[in-house]
Amino acid sequence: MPRRVAWLLVALLCGCGSFEPAHDQRITPPSSYEVWWSRTEACSGLSGDFASVQWFTVPGYSFDCPTGKCVGRWEGRHKIYLAADWMHDALRVRR
């Protein structure tokens, strides 16, 4: 395998493990988020531990993410990133 291809594979594998948008800031979720969480659980039939989720906001209307531009993204098991302009929009937060 040519050296250049080997380095490309290493770079791709290292970059696939995590995602953190630029300028994100951890927040304490507003109390409305827990209400929205409960409603989403009721509709979906799924459940999860709200207290284990870490919430982050990213300045602006959207942010770059692996799938393009995002207004929100669930990453891994316990991180949710939201574009700041959508933080109080129940539809966006609940998706």
Protein backbone atom coordinates (compact mmCIF):
# COMPACT_ATOMS: atom_id res chain seq x y z
CA MET A 1 0.00 0.00 0.00
CA PRO A 2 1.48 3.37 -0.95
CA ARG A 3 2.45 5.53 2.02
CA ARG A 4 0.08 8.35 0.97
CA VAL A 5 -2.91 5.97 0.98
CA ALA A 6 -1.92 4.60 4.39
CA TRP A 7 -1.80 8.11 5.89
CA LEU A 8 -5.17 8.95 4.34
CA LEU A 9 -6.71 5.86 5.94
CA VAL A 10 -5.24 6.78 9.33
CA ALA A 11 -6.57 10.34 9.02
CA LEU A 12 -10.03 9.11 8.08
CA LEU A 13 -10.19 6.57 10.89
CA CYS A 14 -9.05 9.08 13.49
CA GLY A 15 -11.58 11.64 12.30
CA CYS A 16 -14.54 9.28 12.46
CA GLY A 17 -14.57 8.83 16.20
CA SER A 18 -16.00 12.11 17.41
CA PHE A 19 -17.61 15.32 16.33
CA GLU A 20 -17.46 18.68 18.06
CA PRO A 21 -18.56 21.80 16.21
CA ALA A 22 -16.50 24.97 16.48
CA HIS A 23 -17.41 27.39 19.28
CA ASP A 24 -19.79 25.01 21.05
CA GLN A 25 -20.64 25.81 24.66
CA ARG A 26 -22.10 23.44 27.22
CA ILE A 27 -25.43 24.61 28.66
CA THR A 28 -27.83 23.64 31.37
CA PRO A 29 -31.01 22.79 29.47
CA PRO A 30 -34.07 24.93 30.18
CA SER A 31 -36.83 23.15 32.14
CA SER A 32 -38.93 23.08 28.95
CA TYR A 33 -36.47 20.56 27.46
CA GLU A 34 -37.40 17.94 30.04
CA VAL A 35 -41.09 18.46 29.27
CA TRP A 36 -40.36 18.12 25.54
CA TRP A 37 -38.26 15.00 26.25
CA SER A 38 -41.19 13.39 28.10
CA ARG A 39 -43.59 14.20 25.26
CA THR A 40 -41.18 12.73 22.73
CA GLU A 41 -40.85 9.55 24.79
CA ALA A 42 -44.64 9.26 24.98
CA CYS A 43 -45.05 9.64 21.21
CA SER A 44 -42.15 7.43 20.18
CA GLY A 45 -42.52 4.61 22.66
CA LEU A 46 -38.80 4.97 23.38
CA SER A 47 -37.21 6.06 26.63
CA GLY A 48 -33.90 7.44 27.78
CA ASP A 49 -32.23 9.10 30.74
CA PHE A 50 -32.63 12.86 30.31
CA ALA A 51 -30.16 13.56 33.14
CA SER A 52 -27.35 11.73 31.33
CA VAL A 53 -27.51 13.97 28.25
CA GLN A 54 -24.99 16.78 27.84
CA TRP A 55 -26.41 19.78 25.98
CA PHE A 56 -24.37 22.19 23.88
CA THR A 57 -25.22 25.29 21.91
CA VAL A 58 -23.43 26.49 18.80
CA PRO A 59 -23.68 30.16 17.75
CA GLY A 60 -25.88 31.02 14.80
CA TYR A 61 -28.56 29.53 12.59
CA SER A 62 -26.68 26.32 11.69
CA PHE A 63 -23.28 24.70 12.00
CA ASP A 64 -21.10 22.40 9.94
CA CYS A 65 -21.49 18.72 10.72
CA PRO A 66 -20.54 15.47 8.98
CA THR A 67 -23.83 15.40 7.04
CA GLY A 68 -23.62 19.05 5.89
CA LYS A 69 -25.29 21.95 7.70
CA CYS A 70 -27.16 21.12 10.90
CA VAL A 71 -29.45 23.00 13.26
CA GLY A 72 -29.19 20.15 15.76
CA ARG A 73 -27.28 16.92 16.10
CA TRP A 74 -27.31 14.01 18.53
CA GLU A 75 -23.74 12.78 18.80
CA GLY A 76 -22.67 9.55 20.39
CA ARG A 77 -24.85 8.40 23.25
CA HIS A 78 -25.18 11.51 25.37
CA LYS A 79 -24.36 14.76 23.53
CA ILE A 80 -26.82 17.04 21.79
CA TYR A 81 -25.69 20.12 19.85
CA LEU A 82 -28.17 22.86 18.94
CA ALA A 83 -27.73 25.97 16.83
CA ALA A 84 -28.40 28.90 19.17
CA ASP A 85 -31.07 30.40 16.91
CA TRP A 86 -33.22 27.27 17.40
CA MET A 87 -32.76 26.68 21.14
CA HIS A 88 -36.34 27.62 22.01
CA ASP A 89 -38.05 25.92 19.07
CA ALA A 90 -39.75 22.76 20.38
CA LEU A 91 -39.97 21.15 16.95
CA ARG A 92 -36.23 21.48 16.33
CA VAL A 93 -35.18 20.47 19.83
CA ARG A 94 -37.43 17.41 19.84
CA ARG A 95 -36.15 16.08 16.52
